Amino acid sequence: MLFDREALKQIIRQKESWTRDELERLLAKSPPRLSRFSTISDKEIPPLCTPADLGDFDHDARLGLPGRYPYTRGVQPSMYRGRLWTMRQFAGFGTPEDTNKRYRYLLGQGQTGLSVAFHYPTLMGYDSDHPRSRGEVGKCGVAVDSLRDMEVIFDGIPLDKVTTSMTINGPAGILLAMYIAVAEKQGVRPDQIGGTIQNDILKEYIAQKSWIFPPRPSMRIITDILAYCTERVPRWNTISISGYHIREAGSTAAQELAFTLADGIGYVQAGVEAGLDVDAFAPRLSYFFNAHSDFFEEIAKYRAARRMWARFMRERFHAKDEASWKLRFHSQTAGCSLTAQQPLNNVVRTALQALSAVLGGTQSLHTNSLDETLALPTEESVTVALRTQQIIAEESGVPNNIDPLGGSYFVEWLTDQLEAEAQRYIDKIDELGGIIRAIELGFPQKEIGDAAYHYQLQLEKREKVVVGVNKYVMKEERPIPTLKIEEEVERRQVAALQEVKRKRDAAAVQRHLARIEAAARGSGNLMAEFVEAVKVYCTQGEIIQTLKGVFGEHKDPGML
């Protein structure tokens, strides 16, 4: 215990007298500004926390030291005193040429990692010349159809010197295969490249909805990627288990924590059932969390996530390697918190959210640009977003102490509260038969929908405030410049794709697509086939269409 029982009794008596003699007397004269204080997730907040609120607080079991189990205080002993987090701005738009230019600019401005935003047709497995891609090419990210596009995106960028994150799920293995092929063309071996593919298909069924195949064949593809990368691409994070999109869909902080960790449990279980050694692949799993607006709730969420994951890996999966216990995570400031009204306010929102991620111990961070609720960011706005991180890193002094909030009575109380609530959700998911069965039954989807509706009602009643939207509204606002993707982008991209198809070896393409189909129907490793197929310029749309012929397509049970 942090405090002996007699000391706790004395603290309780002091708090009772303070409440009676100071607080209640003041409130009788001057009522509180709100009838109820709660987090953005609507968890009620006490007026003051003391050691008594922590109960029998076991320092070693619940807090510990940085770099030591249960990692509540961070996964590295020195945290940012040793190395700052990776500053990884999410970027990608228009053609591959446009995106290459933006990457070179960001690296020149001090960005330390790359992150690829793909346009929606790529996310859904369609090439740019597919009828369903019309009007969408290059609009929400960069168009990638074949190896040619990946070659252009990373032209002049040494892939053994940067790490790259790719926000891609259904076609994740195919895009990673293209990245491996580009690296090899640069003379960089697969074991020399580092980065992350999101590859988190479970959260697609729960929240983001950009799925392709049904859950069970999707999990088979993922275990093939785990097996391939464990052997041949050991520095690559094979899944970025994403709570970000769960939160963007309207979940509470505790739901984000619970459903994201439940997805992680599902992936580890799938890997183990596929015959993989947990300590061979678990160290390369990473997480991706939302940095939302409630400052302390977010910090507590990250601390609880590390502690819970360490316990699950050690006690549930009996992992022996400490690297398997450590939850490493990327964070991105909350896109859903950005407002079209008074968009300059988004700079302040992003700065506070980024600060919470840093104080929570993130390994990598993306800061949203002020104009992203209106369009893809301009060069000026993305520079401000990057400078926000750099000011926190270089001017705030926050990275100088390893865990400045560790031991805060309020932070530790809130961490315990979030952990307990998340654990109740995970217990329920276990009762339902695991996360895949829970998704099939619609359990996490319904919980998130209910939470989103509850928050919307609070906004409409002004029980929660969004500045510039339901309070401090301005009748007239000055428009800001935004990035516009011209229709010419689609014409150029489709022409480039047709040129690739004209020049490639058509017989080799058909031969490799047939090999992919055979592997899908059998037990061959699909990731290995993807790597060879993209080298002969099979397009990602062609590979996806081949897999659809075997696996079918997912239909949401909640959709008519």
Protein backbone atom coordinates (compact mmCIF):
# COMPACT_ATOMS: atom_id res chain seq x y z
CA MET A 1 0.00 0.00 0.00
CA LEU A 2 1.10 3.55 -0.76
CA PHE A 3 -0.37 4.79 2.56
CA ASP A 4 -0.94 2.86 5.77
CA ARG A 5 -4.49 2.46 7.06
CA GLU A 6 -4.16 5.00 9.85
CA ALA A 7 -2.87 7.62 7.42
CA LEU A 8 -5.79 6.90 5.08
CA LYS A 9 -8.29 7.25 7.92
CA GLN A 10 -6.77 10.63 8.78
CA ILE A 11 -7.00 11.74 5.13
CA ILE A 12 -10.66 10.69 4.98
CA ARG A 13 -11.43 12.68 8.14
CA GLN A 14 -9.64 15.73 6.73
CA LYS A 15 -11.55 15.49 3.43
CA GLU A 16 -14.87 15.18 5.29
CA SER A 17 -14.16 18.28 7.38
CA TRP A 18 -12.94 20.21 4.31
CA THR A 19 -16.10 19.25 2.42
CA ARG A 20 -18.30 20.35 5.32
CA ASP A 21 -16.47 23.45 6.50
CA GLU A 22 -15.01 24.94 3.31
CA LEU A 23 -16.52 23.46 0.14
CA GLU A 24 -20.20 23.24 1.10
CA ARG A 25 -20.19 26.67 2.74
CA LEU A 26 -18.73 28.21 -0.42
CA LEU A 27 -21.19 26.39 -2.67
CA ALA A 28 -24.09 27.62 -0.55
CA LYS A 29 -23.07 31.19 -1.39
CA SER A 30 -21.84 30.58 -4.92
CA PRO A 31 -23.38 27.52 -6.66
CA PRO A 32 -21.19 25.47 -9.05
CA ARG A 33 -21.30 26.50 -12.71
CA LEU A 34 -22.64 23.05 -13.71
CA SER A 35 -25.16 20.79 -12.04
CA ARG A 36 -23.02 17.78 -12.92
CA PHE A 37 -19.37 17.45 -13.89
CA SER A 38 -18.42 14.58 -16.19
CA THR A 39 -15.88 13.64 -18.85
CA ILE A 40 -16.68 13.82 -22.55
CA SER A 41 -17.62 10.13 -22.21
CA ASP A 42 -20.04 11.19 -19.43
CA LYS A 43 -18.14 9.56 -16.56
CA GLU A 44 -18.93 11.58 -13.44
CA ILE A 45 -15.92 13.35 -11.96
CA PRO A 46 -15.52 13.85 -8.18
CA PRO A 47 -14.60 17.36 -7.00
CA LEU A 48 -11.31 16.22 -5.44
CA CYS A 49 -9.27 13.02 -5.32
CA THR A 50 -7.06 11.98 -2.42
CA PRO A 51 -5.13 8.79 -1.59
CA ALA A 52 -8.35 7.48 -0.02
CA ASP A 53 -9.97 7.35 -3.48
CA LEU A 54 -7.30 4.89 -4.59
CA GLY A 55 -8.15 2.33 -1.91
CA ASP A 56 -5.50 -0.30 -1.27
CA PHE A 57 -3.20 1.13 -3.92
CA ASP A 58 -0.37 -1.31 -4.63
CA HIS A 59 2.41 0.79 -6.16
CA ASP A 60 4.23 -2.09 -7.85
CA ALA A 61 1.15 -3.87 -9.19
CA ARG A 62 -0.76 -0.83 -10.47
CA LEU A 63 1.89 1.79 -11.18
CA GLY A 64 5.43 0.49 -11.11
CA LEU A 65 8.31 2.15 -12.96
CA PRO A 66 8.77 3.10 -16.63
CA GLY A 67 9.95 0.17 -18.73
CA ARG A 68 8.85 -2.36 -16.12
CA TYR A 69 5.71 -4.49 -15.89
CA PRO A 70 2.85 -3.46 -15.90
CA TYR A 71 4.14 -0.47 -17.96
CA THR A 72 1.52 1.95 -16.63
CA ARG A 73 4.21 4.64 -16.67
CA GLY A 74 5.54 3.83 -20.16
CA VAL A 75 7.14 1.02 -22.15
CA GLN A 76 10.62 2.58 -22.24
CA PRO A 77 12.72 3.33 -19.14
CA SER A 78 13.79 6.77 -20.42
CA MET A 79 10.76 7.64 -22.61
CA TYR A 80 11.32 11.00 -24.36
CA ARG A 81 14.57 11.75 -22.50
CA GLY A 82 16.01 9.02 -24.72
CA ARG A 83 14.17 9.68 -27.98
CA LEU A 84 11.19 11.81 -28.95
CA TRP A 85 8.07 10.25 -30.40
CA THR A 86 7.93 9.82 -34.18
CA MET A 87 6.20 12.79 -35.82
CA ARG A 88 4.18 11.11 -38.53
CA GLN A 89 1.77 13.38 -40.43
CA PHE A 90 -0.93 11.43 -42.30
CA ALA A 91 -0.59 12.47 -45.94
CA GLY A 92 -1.59 11.39 -49.40
CA PHE A 93 -3.79 12.92 -52.07
CA GLY A 94 -4.33 13.04 -55.80
CA THR A 95 -1.80 11.18 -57.92
CA PRO A 96 1.33 9.40 -56.65
CA GLU A 97 3.34 12.32 -58.04
CA ASP A 98 1.36 14.78 -55.88
CA THR A 99 1.94 12.68 -52.77
CA ASN A 100 5.66 12.25 -53.41
CA LYS A 101 5.98 16.03 -53.56
CA ARG A 102 4.11 16.43 -50.23
CA TYR A 103 6.31 13.76 -48.55
CA ARG A 104 9.49 15.47 -49.66
CA TYR A 105 8.16 18.76 -48.29
CA LEU A 106 7.21 17.26 -44.90
CA LEU A 107 10.54 15.48 -44.49
CA GLY A 108 12.26 18.77 -45.28
CA GLN A 109 10.22 20.45 -42.51
CA GLY A 110 11.39 17.98 -39.85
CA GLN A 111 8.82 15.20 -40.04
CA THR A 112 10.41 11.95 -38.85
CA GLY A 113 8.11 9.28 -40.32
CA LEU A 114 5.77 8.84 -43.28
CA SER A 115 2.10 7.85 -43.22
CA VAL A 116 0.15 6.95 -46.35
CA ALA A 117 -3.50 7.97 -46.75
CA PHE A 118 -5.04 5.94 -49.58
CA HIS A 119 -8.09 7.07 -51.53
CA TYR A 120 -11.35 5.24 -50.96
CA PRO A 121 -11.24 3.00 -54.06
CA THR A 122 -7.93 1.53 -52.85
CA LEU A 123 -9.36 1.03 -49.36
CA MET A 124 -12.23 -0.92 -50.90
CA GLY A 125 -10.10 -2.92 -53.33
CA TYR A 126 -11.02 -1.18 -56.60
CA ASP A 127 -8.61 0.09 -59.25
CA SER A 128 -8.97 3.66 -60.47
CA ASP A 129 -10.51 2.52 -63.78
CA HIS A 130 -13.32 0.58 -62.09
CA PRO A 131 -16.80 2.11 -62.55
CA ARG A 132 -17.25 2.37 -58.75
CA SER A 133 -14.12 4.54 -58.54
CA ARG A 134 -15.54 7.33 -60.70
CA GLY A 135 -15.54 10.69 -58.96
CA GLU A 136 -13.44 9.37 -56.03
CA VAL A 137 -9.97 9.07 -57.53
CA GLY A 138 -7.41 10.92 -55.42
CA LYS A 139 -10.09 12.72 -53.40
CA CYS A 140 -9.58 11.36 -49.87
CA GLY A 141 -6.04 10.05 -50.29
CA VAL A 142 -3.58 8.91 -52.90
CA ALA A 143 -4.57 6.53 -55.71
CA VAL A 144 -2.55 3.28 -55.70
CA ASP A 145 -3.42 0.66 -58.30
CA SER A 146 -0.14 -1.10 -59.07
CA LEU A 147 3.52 -1.28 -58.15
CA ARG A 148 4.12 1.65 -60.52
CA ASP A 149 2.20 3.97 -58.18
CA MET A 150 4.15 2.86 -55.11
CA GLU A 151 7.41 3.38 -57.02
CA VAL A 152 6.42 6.99 -57.76
CA ILE A 153 5.23 7.74 -54.21
CA PHE A 154 8.59 6.74 -52.72
CA ASP A 155 10.82 7.96 -55.52
CA GLY A 156 13.94 9.50 -53.98
CA ILE A 157 12.95 8.46 -50.44
CA PRO A 158 15.36 5.83 -49.01
CA LEU A 159 13.20 3.14 -47.41
CA ASP A 160 15.99 1.94 -45.13
CA LYS A 161 16.15 5.43 -43.56
CA VAL A 162 12.45 6.19 -42.87
CA THR A 163 9.60 4.23 -41.33
CA THR A 164 6.25 4.23 -43.10
CA SER A 165 2.75 3.65 -41.78
CA MET A 166 0.01 2.64 -44.20
CA THR A 167 -3.64 3.09 -43.27
CA ILE A 168 -5.01 0.15 -45.22
CA ASN A 169 -7.03 -2.87 -44.11
CA GLY A 170 -8.73 -5.25 -46.55
CA PRO A 171 -5.93 -4.97 -49.17
CA ALA A 172 -3.18 -4.46 -46.53
CA GLY A 173 -1.07 -7.44 -47.56
CA ILE A 174 -1.09 -6.34 -51.20
CA LEU A 175 0.05 -2.79 -50.40
CA LEU A 176 2.77 -4.11 -48.09
CA ALA A 177 3.88 -6.41 -50.90
CA MET A 178 4.24 -3.37 -53.16
CA TYR A 179 6.28 -1.58 -50.50
CA ILE A 180 8.58 -4.62 -50.14
CA ALA A 181 9.01 -4.71 -53.93
CA VAL A 182 9.86 -0.99 -54.09
CA ALA A 183 12.42 -1.42 -51.31
CA GLU A 184 14.04 -4.30 -53.18
CA LYS A 185 14.29 -2.12 -56.30
CA GLN A 186 16.17 0.40 -54.13
CA GLY A 187 18.52 -2.36 -52.98
CA VAL A 188 16.92 -2.53 -49.51
CA ARG A 189 16.21 -6.02 -48.15
CA PRO A 190 12.84 -6.86 -46.52
CA ASP A 191 14.56 -7.28 -43.16
CA GLN A 192 15.84 -3.68 -43.37
CA ILE A 193 12.50 -1.90 -43.78
CA GLY A 194 10.42 -0.68 -40.86
CA GLY A 195 6.89 0.58 -40.51
CA THR A 196 3.29 -0.45 -39.97
CA ILE A 197 0.27 -1.61 -41.90
CA GLN A 198 -3.02 -0.98 -40.15
CA ASN A 199 -4.38 -4.38 -41.25
CA ASP A 200 -7.06 -4.22 -38.52
CA ILE A 201 -10.09 -5.71 -40.23
CA LEU A 202 -12.07 -6.32 -37.03
CA LYS A 203 -12.49 -2.61 -36.35
CA GLU A 204 -13.82 -2.21 -39.89
CA TYR A 205 -16.79 -4.42 -39.03
CA ILE A 206 -17.21 -2.55 -35.75
CA ALA A 207 -16.78 1.06 -36.87
CA GLN A 208 -15.18 2.24 -40.12
CA LYS A 209 -17.07 -0.11 -42.48
CA SER A 210 -14.46 -0.31 -45.27
CA TRP A 211 -14.43 -4.10 -45.36
CA ILE A 212 -14.15 -6.45 -48.34
CA PHE A 213 -14.25 -10.10 -47.24
CA PRO A 214 -16.19 -11.78 -44.40
CA PRO A 215 -14.49 -11.89 -40.97
CA ARG A 216 -13.16 -15.43 -40.97
CA PRO A 217 -11.34 -15.43 -44.35
CA SER A 218 -10.08 -11.95 -43.47
CA MET A 219 -8.50 -13.40 -40.34
CA ARG A 220 -6.87 -16.12 -42.45
CA ILE A 221 -5.22 -13.43 -44.63
CA ILE A 222 -3.99 -11.68 -41.49
CA THR A 223 -2.41 -14.83 -40.03
CA ASP A 224 -0.65 -15.40 -43.37
CA ILE A 225 0.76 -11.86 -43.11
CA LEU A 226 1.86 -12.52 -39.50
CA ALA A 227 3.65 -15.72 -40.50
CA TYR A 228 5.35 -14.18 -43.55
CA CYS A 229 6.54 -11.01 -41.82
CA THR A 230 7.72 -12.79 -38.67
CA GLU A 231 10.12 -14.75 -40.85
CA ARG A 232 11.06 -12.24 -43.56
CA VAL A 233 10.13 -8.67 -42.50
CA PRO A 234 10.97 -8.74 -38.77
CA ARG A 235 11.04 -4.95 -38.23
CA TRP A 236 7.53 -4.46 -39.59
CA ASN A 237 4.51 -3.91 -37.33
CA THR A 238 2.07 -6.36 -38.88
CA ILE A 239 -1.13 -4.97 -37.33
CA SER A 240 -1.92 -1.53 -35.97
CA ILE A 241 -4.87 -2.44 -33.77
CA SER A 242 -7.00 0.63 -34.09
CA GLY A 243 -9.24 2.26 -31.54
CA TYR A 244 -9.10 5.51 -33.48
CA HIS A 245 -11.99 4.70 -35.79
CA ILE A 246 -14.01 3.15 -32.97
CA ARG A 247 -13.81 6.50 -31.16
CA GLU A 248 -14.55 8.44 -34.34
CA ALA A 249 -17.73 6.37 -34.70
CA GLY A 250 -18.95 7.74 -31.36
CA SER A 251 -17.67 5.38 -28.67
CA THR A 252 -16.75 6.42 -25.16
CA ALA A 253 -13.13 6.27 -24.00
CA ALA A 254 -13.83 3.02 -22.11
CA GLN A 255 -15.47 1.46 -25.17
CA GLU A 256 -12.53 2.48 -27.34
CA LEU A 257 -10.21 0.88 -24.82
CA ALA A 258 -12.27 -2.30 -24.43
CA PHE A 259 -13.14 -3.04 -28.05
CA THR A 260 -9.62 -2.24 -29.26
CA LEU A 261 -8.00 -4.57 -26.72
CA ALA A 262 -10.65 -7.20 -27.51
CA ASP A 263 -9.62 -6.96 -31.18
CA GLY A 264 -6.00 -7.41 -30.08
CA ILE A 265 -6.95 -10.51 -28.10
CA GLY A 266 -8.72 -11.81 -31.21
CA TYR A 267 -5.63 -11.37 -33.38
CA VAL A 268 -3.32 -13.04 -30.87
CA GLN A 269 -5.75 -15.93 -30.49
CA ALA A 270 -5.94 -16.33 -34.28
CA GLY A 271 -2.15 -16.37 -34.55
CA VAL A 272 -1.82 -18.97 -31.80
CA GLU A 273 -4.54 -21.15 -33.39
CA ALA A 274 -2.68 -20.91 -36.71
CA GLY A 275 0.30 -22.53 -34.98
CA LEU A 276 2.46 -19.43 -34.50
CA ASP A 277 4.57 -18.92 -31.38
CA VAL A 278 3.06 -15.99 -29.52
CA ASP A 279 6.48 -14.55 -28.70
CA ALA A 280 7.46 -14.71 -32.38
CA PHE A 281 4.72 -12.35 -33.61
CA ALA A 282 3.26 -10.47 -30.63
CA PRO A 283 6.19 -8.01 -30.25
CA ARG A 284 5.37 -6.62 -33.71
CA LEU A 285 1.74 -5.84 -32.91
CA SER A 286 1.11 -2.15 -32.28
CA TYR A 287 -1.90 -0.02 -31.35
CA PHE A 288 -3.47 3.16 -32.69
CA PHE A 289 -5.55 5.32 -30.35
CA ASN A 290 -7.61 8.46 -30.67
CA ALA A 291 -6.43 11.55 -28.78
CA HIS A 292 -9.80 13.11 -27.96
CA SER A 293 -10.69 16.33 -26.20
CA ASP A 294 -11.05 15.33 -22.55
CA PHE A 295 -7.46 15.84 -21.47
CA PHE A 296 -7.21 13.64 -18.38
CA GLU A 297 -9.57 10.93 -19.63
CA GLU A 298 -7.30 10.36 -22.61
CA ILE A 299 -4.15 10.17 -20.49
CA ALA A 300 -5.84 7.68 -18.17
CA LYS A 301 -6.98 5.63 -21.17
CA TYR A 302 -3.43 5.18 -22.46
CA ARG A 303 -2.15 4.20 -19.02
CA ALA A 304 -4.93 1.67 -18.54
CA ALA A 305 -4.32 0.24 -22.02
CA ARG A 306 -0.66 -0.54 -21.27
CA ARG A 307 -1.49 -2.14 -17.94
CA MET A 308 -4.32 -4.28 -19.30
CA TRP A 309 -2.42 -5.48 -22.37
CA ALA A 310 0.58 -6.47 -20.27
CA ARG A 311 -1.68 -8.53 -18.02
CA PHE A 312 -3.51 -10.20 -20.94
CA MET A 313 -0.29 -11.16 -22.69
CA ARG A 314 1.40 -12.51 -19.57
CA GLU A 315 -1.56 -14.22 -17.90
CA ARG A 316 -3.95 -15.06 -20.73
CA PHE A 317 -1.50 -15.98 -23.49
CA HIS A 318 1.47 -16.92 -21.26
CA ALA A 319 3.91 -14.89 -23.35
CA LYS A 320 7.44 -15.16 -21.96
CA ASP A 321 9.16 -12.36 -23.88
CA GLU A 322 8.72 -8.96 -22.21
CA ALA A 323 8.48 -7.40 -25.68
CA SER A 324 5.19 -9.27 -26.09
CA TRP A 325 3.80 -7.57 -22.98
CA LYS A 326 4.57 -4.01 -24.06
CA LEU A 327 1.76 -2.04 -25.70
CA ARG A 328 3.31 0.40 -28.17
CA PHE A 329 0.94 2.87 -29.77
CA HIS A 330 0.51 5.60 -32.34
CA SER A 331 -2.03 8.33 -31.66
CA GLN A 332 -3.88 10.80 -33.82
CA THR A 333 -5.78 13.83 -32.65
CA ALA A 334 -9.56 13.50 -32.94
CA GLY A 335 -10.89 14.20 -36.41
CA CYS A 336 -14.45 14.11 -35.13
CA SER A 337 -13.67 17.01 -32.77
CA LEU A 338 -12.73 19.36 -35.62
CA THR A 339 -15.36 21.91 -36.56
CA ALA A 340 -16.17 23.61 -39.85
CA GLN A 341 -17.36 26.57 -37.77
CA GLN A 342 -14.48 28.83 -36.67
CA PRO A 343 -11.86 26.39 -38.05
CA LEU A 344 -8.92 28.29 -36.51
CA ASN A 345 -10.16 26.96 -33.15
CA ASN A 346 -9.05 23.53 -34.38
CA VAL A 347 -5.41 24.53 -33.87
CA VAL A 348 -6.05 24.86 -30.13
CA ARG A 349 -8.04 21.61 -29.97
CA THR A 350 -5.27 19.74 -31.77
CA ALA A 351 -2.54 21.17 -29.50
CA LEU A 352 -4.33 20.06 -26.32
CA GLN A 353 -5.09 16.63 -27.74
CA ALA A 354 -1.48 16.19 -28.86
CA LEU A 355 -0.26 17.19 -25.40
CA SER A 356 -2.48 14.53 -23.81
CA ALA A 357 -1.00 11.89 -26.13
CA VAL A 358 2.54 12.92 -25.19
CA LEU A 359 1.76 12.93 -21.47
CA GLY A 360 0.12 9.54 -22.01
CA GLY A 361 3.33 8.10 -23.48
CA THR A 362 2.67 7.76 -27.21
CA GLN A 363 5.41 6.34 -29.46
CA SER A 364 4.17 8.11 -32.59
CA LEU A 365 1.83 11.02 -33.23
CA HIS A 366 -0.20 12.61 -36.03
CA THR A 367 -1.68 16.05 -35.47
CA ASN A 368 -4.74 16.96 -37.54
CA SER A 369 -4.71 20.10 -39.65
CA LEU A 370 -7.18 22.90 -38.95
CA ASP A 371 -8.94 22.51 -42.32
CA GLU A 372 -9.42 18.72 -42.37
CA THR A 373 -13.12 18.95 -41.58
CA LEU A 374 -13.49 20.80 -44.91
CA ALA A 375 -10.95 19.13 -47.21
CA LEU A 376 -7.57 17.47 -47.33
CA PRO A 377 -5.03 19.80 -45.70
CA THR A 378 -3.21 22.54 -47.51
CA GLU A 379 0.57 22.80 -47.30
CA GLU A 380 0.23 25.74 -44.89
CA SER A 381 -2.20 24.01 -42.54
CA VAL A 382 -0.22 20.77 -42.42
CA THR A 383 2.88 22.78 -41.55
CA VAL A 384 1.06 24.34 -38.57
CA ALA A 385 0.00 20.85 -37.47
CA LEU A 386 3.60 19.61 -37.63
CA ARG A 387 4.89 22.72 -35.83
CA THR A 388 2.39 21.97 -33.03
CA GLN A 389 4.24 18.73 -32.30
CA GLN A 390 7.62 20.40 -32.59
CA ILE A 391 6.65 23.14 -30.11
CA ILE A 392 5.51 20.52 -27.59
CA ALA A 393 8.77 18.63 -28.14
CA GLU A 394 11.18 21.55 -28.11
CA GLU A 395 9.57 24.35 -26.06
CA SER A 396 7.05 23.00 -23.55
CA GLY A 397 9.45 21.10 -21.27
CA VAL A 398 6.91 18.27 -21.05
CA PRO A 399 9.23 15.56 -22.49
CA ASN A 400 11.93 16.30 -19.89
CA ASN A 401 10.33 14.24 -17.10
CA ILE A 402 9.68 10.58 -17.81
CA ASP A 403 6.16 10.45 -16.37
CA PRO A 404 5.16 13.79 -14.85
CA LEU A 405 1.58 12.73 -14.04
CA GLY A 406 2.40 9.40 -12.44
CA GLY A 407 1.00 9.28 -8.90
CA SER A 408 -1.57 12.01 -9.48
CA TYR A 409 -4.51 10.95 -7.32
CA PHE A 410 -7.01 11.98 -9.99
CA VAL A 411 -5.11 10.40 -12.91
CA GLU A 412 -4.60 7.12 -11.04
CA TRP A 413 -8.26 7.06 -9.91
CA LEU A 414 -9.46 7.69 -13.47
CA THR A 415 -7.07 5.05 -14.84
CA ASP A 416 -8.55 2.49 -12.44
CA GLN A 417 -12.09 3.52 -13.39
CA LEU A 418 -11.48 3.15 -17.12
CA GLU A 419 -9.73 -0.18 -16.65
CA ALA A 420 -12.63 -1.57 -14.60
CA GLU A 421 -15.24 -0.43 -17.14
CA ALA A 422 -13.22 -1.79 -20.08
CA GLN A 423 -12.72 -5.10 -18.31
CA ARG A 424 -16.49 -5.49 -17.91
CA TYR A 425 -16.89 -5.14 -21.68
CA ILE A 426 -14.13 -7.66 -22.36
CA ASP A 427 -15.73 -10.14 -19.93
CA LYS A 428 -19.02 -9.74 -21.84
CA ILE A 429 -17.27 -10.34 -25.17
CA ASP A 430 -15.70 -13.51 -23.74
CA GLU A 431 -19.16 -14.66 -22.64
CA LEU A 432 -20.46 -14.14 -26.20
CA GLY A 433 -17.68 -16.35 -27.59
CA GLY A 434 -14.95 -13.87 -28.50
CA ILE A 435 -14.72 -10.72 -30.55
CA ILE A 436 -15.58 -12.25 -33.95
CA ARG A 437 -18.79 -13.76 -32.58
CA ALA A 438 -19.57 -10.50 -30.77
CA ILE A 439 -19.20 -8.62 -34.07
CA GLU A 440 -21.43 -11.13 -35.86
CA LEU A 441 -24.05 -10.53 -33.16
CA GLY A 442 -23.65 -6.74 -33.49
CA PHE A 443 -22.72 -6.20 -29.82
CA PRO A 444 -19.92 -3.60 -30.12
CA GLN A 445 -21.73 -1.85 -32.98
CA LYS A 446 -24.85 -1.35 -30.84
CA GLU A 447 -22.89 -0.14 -27.80
CA ILE A 448 -21.07 2.45 -29.91
CA GLY A 449 -24.28 3.58 -31.59
CA ASP A 450 -25.97 4.07 -28.22
CA ALA A 451 -22.99 6.07 -26.91
CA ALA A 452 -22.94 8.30 -30.02
CA TYR A 453 -26.66 8.98 -29.68
CA HIS A 454 -26.30 9.83 -25.98
CA TYR A 455 -23.52 12.34 -26.72
CA GLN A 456 -25.53 13.94 -29.53
CA LEU A 457 -28.45 14.45 -27.15
CA GLN A 458 -26.08 16.10 -24.66
CA LEU A 459 -24.87 18.48 -27.37
CA GLU A 460 -28.40 19.39 -28.35
CA LYS A 461 -29.31 20.07 -24.71
CA ARG A 462 -25.99 21.99 -24.29
CA GLU A 463 -25.00 19.67 -21.46
CA LYS A 464 -21.76 19.35 -23.44
CA VAL A 465 -20.26 22.35 -25.24
CA VAL A 466 -18.45 22.55 -28.56
CA VAL A 467 -17.13 26.08 -28.92
CA GLY A 468 -18.42 27.77 -32.05
CA VAL A 469 -21.09 25.10 -32.63
CA ASN A 470 -23.55 25.21 -29.74
CA LYS A 471 -21.98 28.07 -27.77
CA TYR A 472 -20.04 31.22 -28.72
CA VAL A 473 -21.50 30.99 -32.22
CA MET A 474 -20.62 33.64 -34.82
CA LYS A 475 -23.22 34.64 -37.39
CA GLU A 476 -20.73 35.46 -40.10
CA GLU A 477 -17.46 33.63 -40.66
CA ARG A 478 -14.59 34.29 -43.02
CA PRO A 479 -13.91 31.30 -45.35
CA ILE A 480 -10.42 29.79 -45.32
CA PRO A 481 -8.53 28.48 -48.36
CA THR A 482 -8.88 24.73 -48.91
CA LEU A 483 -7.20 22.15 -51.12
CA LYS A 484 -9.24 21.14 -54.18
CA ILE A 485 -8.57 17.93 -56.08
CA GLU A 486 -9.26 18.64 -59.73
CA GLU A 487 -11.06 16.16 -61.97
CA GLU A 488 -7.93 16.04 -64.14
CA VAL A 489 -6.37 13.83 -61.43
CA GLU A 490 -8.70 10.95 -62.31
CA ARG A 491 -7.93 11.20 -66.02
CA ARG A 492 -4.16 11.15 -65.41
CA GLN A 493 -4.35 8.25 -62.98
CA VAL A 494 -6.53 6.10 -65.23
CA ALA A 495 -4.21 6.82 -68.18
CA ALA A 496 -1.18 5.77 -66.10
CA LEU A 497 -2.93 2.54 -65.08
CA GLN A 498 -3.84 1.71 -68.69
CA GLU A 499 -0.22 2.27 -69.69
CA VAL A 500 0.92 -0.22 -67.00
CA LYS A 501 -1.55 -2.80 -68.27
CA ARG A 502 -0.42 -2.28 -71.87
CA LYS A 503 3.28 -2.77 -71.13
CA ARG A 504 3.23 -5.62 -68.58
CA ASP A 505 3.55 -9.34 -69.31
CA ALA A 506 -0.12 -10.39 -69.51
CA ALA A 507 0.68 -14.12 -69.33
CA ALA A 508 2.71 -13.62 -66.14
CA VAL A 509 -0.16 -11.64 -64.63
CA GLN A 510 -2.64 -14.46 -65.29
CA ARG A 511 -0.20 -17.04 -63.98
CA HIS A 512 0.25 -15.21 -60.67
CA LEU A 513 -3.47 -14.53 -60.24
CA ALA A 514 -4.05 -18.27 -60.70
CA ARG A 515 -1.44 -18.99 -58.01
CA ILE A 516 -3.22 -16.60 -55.63
CA GLU A 517 -6.55 -18.34 -56.28
CA ALA A 518 -4.99 -21.75 -55.62
CA ALA A 519 -3.41 -20.54 -52.37
CA ALA A 520 -6.73 -19.04 -51.24
CA ARG A 521 -8.54 -22.32 -51.89
CA GLY A 522 -5.78 -24.28 -50.19
CA SER A 523 -3.34 -23.55 -47.40
CA GLY A 524 -0.56 -21.68 -49.22
CA ASN A 525 0.71 -18.43 -47.73
CA LEU A 526 -1.13 -15.63 -49.49
CA MET A 527 1.33 -12.93 -48.47
CA ALA A 528 4.14 -14.74 -50.29
CA GLU A 529 1.98 -14.89 -53.43
CA PHE A 530 1.11 -11.18 -53.17
CA VAL A 531 4.79 -10.21 -53.18
CA GLU A 532 5.50 -12.14 -56.38
CA ALA A 533 2.27 -11.00 -58.07
CA VAL A 534 2.84 -7.27 -57.61
CA LYS A 535 6.34 -7.59 -59.09
CA VAL A 536 4.76 -8.47 -62.46
CA TYR A 537 2.35 -5.52 -62.00
CA CYS A 538 -0.79 -7.36 -61.07
CA THR A 539 -3.05 -4.59 -59.80
CA GLN A 540 -4.50 -4.59 -56.32
CA GLY A 541 -8.00 -4.59 -57.85
CA GLU A 542 -7.22 -7.73 -59.86
CA ILE A 543 -5.86 -9.51 -56.81
CA ILE A 544 -8.86 -8.50 -54.69
CA GLN A 545 -11.28 -9.66 -57.41
CA THR A 546 -9.51 -13.04 -57.50
CA LEU A 547 -9.87 -13.40 -53.73
CA LYS A 548 -13.54 -12.40 -53.86
CA GLY A 549 -14.11 -15.38 -56.13
CA VAL A 550 -12.96 -17.64 -53.30
CA PHE A 551 -13.90 -15.80 -50.11
CA GLY A 552 -16.99 -13.86 -51.19
CA GLU A 553 -17.88 -10.39 -49.89
CA HIS A 554 -19.03 -9.30 -46.45
CA LYS A 555 -22.56 -7.99 -45.97
CA ASP A 556 -23.32 -6.17 -42.74
CA PRO A 557 -26.10 -8.08 -40.92
CA GLY A 558 -27.51 -4.71 -39.86
CA MET A 559 -27.97 -3.54 -43.46
CA LEU A 560 -30.98 -4.27 -45.62
